[in-house]
Amino acid sequence: MKLIRFALSASLFASVSCLAVAQDLTPLRTAMQVKWPKNRSLQIVFHGHSVPAGYHKTPEVRTFESYPHLFHVWLKQRYPHAVINVIVTAIGGEDSLAGSVRFERDVLPYRPDLIFIDYALNDMLKPIADVEKSWRAMIELAKKSRIPVVLMTPTGEENADMKNPENPLRQRADLIRRLAKEESVLVADVSAAWLAEMEKGTPQAELLSQVNHPNLRGHQIALGAIVECLQLEPAKLEETNGSQ
């Protein structure tokens, strides 16, 4: 076990869309503070493609160096009395068109208290109109079940210029931001945090395990965007499994 100290600075992330949405996470925050015997099991689901599934350099899966696990550890450090189950329904290689088809079958039966959706990297190869339809379908199913949902803009990709509005990955990141605004749901703007890190001078190669998968450092950026989006206080992540 390696000691990792990861400072999450609120100044790094531009998540204005998180601040204006209608979803209220107060019930979840409250539930995480309830002690036994009045507490209950809380379910957080991560739905998407290979990144939340834990793939780093394919075919290696580093579950404990990937952002769903990092978020689980982060929460448990702050809510020691909570029973929190993090469930990953992600499938490597899948896009949102396939993910939306199985959303009701594979996600909703867990009766989640919170759902994250991350498909943009694989959606680059699909028509953007079909991508929008699929994301909206998943959002509507979650809202119908009164489950808060967090949309994830993508981590980086070696050949993608996220500053270029014409780039397919940037276009899908912009689509996700627009959907969050129109549907009044949360968005963890990982892409903005990723660009902010690069603008500080970090080469993108130091954030990637391979051309389209983040390494531990890249997953930590995703974690930071999640924490900022959920308006949880900035803090340090300590005693997390894994190595750079």
Protein backbone atom coordinates (compact mmCIF):
# COMPACT_ATOMS: atom_id res chain seq x y z
CA MET A 1 0.00 0.00 0.00
CA LYS A 2 1.49 3.29 -1.07
CA LEU A 3 0.69 6.55 0.67
CA ILE A 4 -0.80 8.94 -1.84
CA ARG A 5 -1.45 12.53 -0.93
CA PHE A 6 -3.69 14.20 -3.46
CA ALA A 7 -4.74 17.76 -2.74
CA LEU A 8 -8.03 18.71 -4.35
CA SER A 9 -8.09 22.42 -4.99
CA ALA A 10 -11.44 24.00 -5.78
CA SER A 11 -9.68 26.63 -7.87
CA LEU A 12 -8.63 24.02 -10.44
CA PHE A 13 -12.08 23.13 -11.63
CA ALA A 14 -14.70 25.13 -13.52
CA SER A 15 -17.99 23.42 -12.67
CA VAL A 16 -20.47 26.29 -12.81
CA SER A 17 -23.11 24.00 -14.28
CA CYS A 18 -22.98 21.96 -11.08
CA LEU A 19 -24.04 24.96 -9.07
CA ALA A 20 -27.20 25.75 -10.98
CA VAL A 21 -28.91 22.39 -11.26
CA ALA A 22 -32.17 21.34 -9.63
CA GLN A 23 -30.87 18.08 -8.12
CA ASP A 24 -30.46 18.15 -4.37
CA LEU A 25 -27.89 15.80 -2.86
CA THR A 26 -28.69 16.83 0.70
CA PRO A 27 -30.59 13.58 1.40
CA LEU A 28 -27.55 11.54 0.32
CA ARG A 29 -25.14 13.61 2.39
CA THR A 30 -27.47 13.30 5.37
CA ALA A 31 -27.81 9.54 4.91
CA MET A 32 -24.03 9.13 4.88
CA GLN A 33 -23.85 10.68 8.35
CA VAL A 34 -26.43 8.40 9.99
CA LYS A 35 -24.92 5.92 12.45
CA TRP A 36 -25.87 2.31 13.15
CA PRO A 37 -28.50 1.06 13.86
CA LYS A 38 -30.46 3.73 11.96
CA ASN A 39 -28.25 3.81 8.87
CA ARG A 40 -28.80 1.88 5.66
CA SER A 41 -26.70 0.66 2.75
CA LEU A 42 -26.09 3.33 0.12
CA GLN A 43 -25.55 2.39 -3.52
CA ILE A 44 -23.46 4.45 -5.95
CA VAL A 45 -23.29 3.16 -9.53
CA PHE A 46 -20.72 4.01 -12.20
CA HIS A 47 -22.02 3.23 -15.69
CA GLY A 48 -19.92 3.58 -18.81
CA HIS A 49 -17.02 2.25 -20.82
CA SER A 50 -13.47 1.08 -20.14
CA VAL A 51 -12.33 4.06 -18.05
CA PRO A 52 -14.74 3.59 -15.11
CA ALA A 53 -14.40 -0.18 -15.66
CA GLY A 54 -10.77 0.22 -14.56
CA TYR A 55 -8.83 -0.49 -17.76
CA HIS A 56 -5.45 1.20 -17.81
CA LYS A 57 -3.06 -0.31 -20.39
CA THR A 58 -5.34 -2.85 -22.07
CA PRO A 59 -5.90 -5.63 -21.16
CA GLU A 60 -4.74 -4.77 -17.62
CA VAL A 61 -7.53 -3.69 -15.26
CA ARG A 62 -6.35 -1.63 -12.28
CA THR A 63 -9.53 -1.39 -10.26
CA PHE A 64 -7.87 0.21 -7.25
CA GLU A 65 -6.20 2.94 -9.32
CA SER A 66 -9.42 4.00 -11.07
CA TYR A 67 -11.73 6.83 -10.14
CA PRO A 68 -14.75 4.80 -8.89
CA HIS A 69 -12.54 3.15 -6.26
CA LEU A 70 -10.72 6.41 -5.47
CA PHE A 71 -14.07 8.09 -4.89
CA HIS A 72 -15.18 5.21 -2.65
CA VAL A 73 -12.06 5.63 -0.51
CA TRP A 74 -12.51 9.41 -0.46
CA LEU A 75 -16.08 9.08 0.81
CA LYS A 76 -15.21 6.52 3.46
CA GLN A 77 -12.50 8.75 4.88
CA ARG A 78 -15.12 11.43 5.43
CA TYR A 79 -18.15 9.30 6.34
CA PRO A 80 -16.72 6.52 8.54
CA HIS A 81 -20.15 5.41 9.80
CA ALA A 82 -21.68 5.00 6.35
CA VAL A 83 -22.18 1.71 4.54
CA ILE A 84 -21.38 2.71 0.96
CA ASN A 85 -21.38 0.24 -1.91
CA VAL A 86 -19.73 1.38 -5.15
CA ILE A 87 -21.01 -0.70 -8.05
CA VAL A 88 -19.41 -0.55 -11.50
CA THR A 89 -21.65 -1.58 -14.40
CA ALA A 90 -19.20 -0.31 -17.01
CA ILE A 91 -18.07 -2.46 -19.96
CA GLY A 92 -14.84 -1.92 -21.87
CA GLY A 93 -15.39 -0.96 -25.50
CA GLU A 94 -19.04 -0.01 -25.02
CA ASP A 95 -20.60 3.26 -26.21
CA SER A 96 -23.67 5.07 -24.92
CA LEU A 97 -25.94 3.55 -27.55
CA ALA A 98 -25.35 0.08 -26.09
CA GLY A 99 -25.18 1.40 -22.54
CA SER A 100 -28.58 3.03 -22.78
CA VAL A 101 -30.16 -0.24 -23.94
CA ARG A 102 -29.08 -2.08 -20.79
CA PHE A 103 -29.45 0.85 -18.37
CA GLU A 104 -32.84 -0.20 -17.03
CA ARG A 105 -31.76 -3.82 -16.71
CA ASP A 106 -28.24 -3.42 -15.32
CA VAL A 107 -28.31 -0.16 -13.36
CA LEU A 108 -31.75 0.55 -11.92
CA PRO A 109 -32.21 -2.82 -10.14
CA TYR A 110 -29.49 -1.76 -7.68
CA ARG A 111 -31.80 1.06 -6.54
CA PRO A 112 -28.92 3.54 -6.68
CA ASP A 113 -28.68 6.62 -4.51
CA LEU A 114 -26.44 8.20 -7.17
CA ILE A 115 -25.50 7.32 -10.75
CA PHE A 116 -22.45 8.41 -12.77
CA ILE A 117 -22.39 8.10 -16.59
CA ASP A 118 -19.13 8.12 -18.59
CA TYR A 119 -19.21 7.21 -22.31
CA ALA A 120 -17.79 10.15 -24.28
CA LEU A 121 -14.51 8.55 -25.37
CA ASN A 122 -16.24 5.69 -27.18
CA ASP A 123 -19.02 7.95 -28.42
CA MET A 124 -16.55 9.72 -30.73
CA LEU A 125 -17.20 7.05 -33.36
CA LYS A 126 -20.98 7.39 -33.23
CA PRO A 127 -23.22 10.06 -34.82
CA ILE A 128 -23.65 12.83 -32.31
CA ALA A 129 -27.44 12.85 -32.76
CA ASP A 130 -27.57 9.18 -31.73
CA VAL A 131 -25.25 9.90 -28.82
CA GLU A 132 -27.52 12.69 -27.59
CA LYS A 133 -30.56 10.46 -27.82
CA SER A 134 -28.86 7.71 -25.81
CA TRP A 135 -27.65 10.03 -23.04
CA ARG A 136 -31.09 11.62 -22.77
CA ALA A 137 -32.69 8.18 -22.50
CA MET A 138 -30.48 7.26 -19.54
CA ILE A 139 -31.01 10.63 -17.88
CA GLU A 140 -34.78 10.33 -18.21
CA LEU A 141 -34.81 6.82 -16.75
CA ALA A 142 -32.81 8.02 -13.75
CA LYS A 143 -35.02 11.06 -13.25
CA LYS A 144 -38.16 8.95 -13.56
CA SER A 145 -36.83 6.84 -10.68
CA ARG A 146 -35.88 10.01 -8.77
CA ILE A 147 -32.20 9.10 -8.75
CA PRO A 148 -29.61 11.90 -8.96
CA VAL A 149 -27.32 11.47 -11.93
CA VAL A 150 -23.87 12.90 -12.65
CA LEU A 151 -22.72 13.17 -16.27
CA MET A 152 -18.98 12.85 -16.81
CA THR A 153 -17.13 14.78 -19.51
CA PRO A 154 -14.25 12.67 -20.83
CA THR A 155 -10.70 12.19 -19.73
CA GLY A 156 -8.15 13.00 -22.44
CA GLU A 157 -7.15 11.09 -25.53
CA GLU A 158 -3.71 11.25 -27.13
CA ASN A 159 -4.89 12.50 -30.52
CA ALA A 160 -7.72 14.75 -29.32
CA ASP A 161 -7.32 18.53 -29.21
CA MET A 162 -9.84 19.42 -26.52
CA LYS A 163 -9.32 23.13 -27.17
CA ASN A 164 -10.60 22.79 -30.74
CA PRO A 165 -14.42 23.16 -30.95
CA GLU A 166 -14.37 21.00 -34.09
CA ASN A 167 -12.68 18.06 -32.39
CA PRO A 168 -15.09 15.09 -31.96
CA LEU A 169 -14.17 14.56 -28.31
CA ARG A 170 -14.55 18.26 -27.52
CA GLN A 171 -17.93 18.23 -29.28
CA ARG A 172 -19.11 15.38 -27.09
CA ALA A 173 -17.84 17.12 -23.98
CA ASP A 174 -19.80 20.20 -25.03
CA LEU A 175 -22.86 18.03 -25.65
CA ILE A 176 -22.63 16.58 -22.14
CA ARG A 177 -22.40 20.07 -20.63
CA ARG A 178 -25.44 21.16 -22.64
CA LEU A 179 -27.44 18.09 -21.66
CA ALA A 180 -26.67 18.68 -17.99
CA LYS A 181 -27.96 22.23 -18.28
CA GLU A 182 -31.07 21.34 -20.26
CA GLU A 183 -31.96 18.33 -18.11
CA SER A 184 -31.04 20.04 -14.81
CA VAL A 185 -28.62 17.33 -13.75
CA LEU A 186 -25.07 17.38 -12.43
CA VAL A 187 -21.95 17.30 -14.57
CA ALA A 188 -18.43 16.47 -13.39
CA ASP A 189 -16.35 18.43 -15.88
CA VAL A 190 -13.35 16.14 -16.08
CA SER A 191 -12.33 17.59 -19.45
CA ALA A 192 -12.01 21.09 -17.99
CA ALA A 193 -9.92 19.76 -15.10
CA TRP A 194 -7.77 17.75 -17.51
CA LEU A 195 -7.08 20.83 -19.64
CA ALA A 196 -6.33 22.89 -16.54
CA GLU A 197 -3.68 20.36 -15.53
CA MET A 198 -2.09 20.46 -18.99
CA GLU A 199 -2.10 24.26 -18.95
CA LYS A 200 -0.07 24.08 -15.74
CA GLY A 201 2.62 22.37 -17.81
CA THR A 202 1.84 18.69 -17.28
CA PRO A 203 2.40 16.74 -20.54
CA GLN A 204 -0.68 14.72 -21.47
CA ALA A 205 1.51 11.61 -21.72
CA GLU A 206 1.98 11.80 -17.94
CA LEU A 207 -1.79 11.44 -17.48
CA LEU A 208 -2.30 8.44 -19.76
CA SER A 209 -1.65 4.70 -19.51
CA GLN A 210 -2.21 4.34 -23.25
CA VAL A 211 -3.67 6.41 -26.06
CA ASN A 212 -7.17 6.59 -24.60
CA HIS A 213 -6.96 5.42 -20.97
CA PRO A 214 -5.87 7.56 -18.01
CA ASN A 215 -3.27 6.35 -15.55
CA LEU A 216 -3.55 6.80 -11.79
CA ARG A 217 -2.76 10.50 -12.07
CA GLY A 218 -5.42 10.92 -14.75
CA HIS A 219 -7.97 9.10 -12.61
CA GLN A 220 -7.11 11.40 -9.71
CA ILE A 221 -8.06 14.34 -11.93
CA ALA A 222 -11.42 12.68 -12.56
CA LEU A 223 -11.85 12.21 -8.82
CA GLY A 224 -11.13 15.89 -8.26
CA ALA A 225 -13.78 16.89 -10.77
CA ILE A 226 -16.32 14.63 -9.07
CA VAL A 227 -15.58 16.07 -5.65
CA GLU A 228 -15.82 19.62 -6.97
CA CYS A 229 -19.09 18.87 -8.76
CA LEU A 230 -20.68 17.39 -5.66
CA GLN A 231 -19.52 20.43 -3.68
CA LEU A 232 -17.67 18.33 -1.14
CA GLU A 233 -14.96 20.16 0.73
CA PRO A 234 -11.46 20.03 -0.81
CA ALA A 235 -9.22 17.66 1.11
CA LYS A 236 -6.38 15.17 0.76
CA LEU A 237 -6.72 11.61 -0.42
CA GLU A 238 -4.53 9.37 1.71
CA GLU A 239 -3.66 5.69 1.98
CA THR A 240 -5.02 4.66 -1.40
CA ASN A 241 -4.00 1.39 -3.02
CA GLY A 242 -1.88 1.55 -6.14
CA SER A 243 1.22 3.19 -7.54
CA GLN A 244 2.04 5.60 -10.31
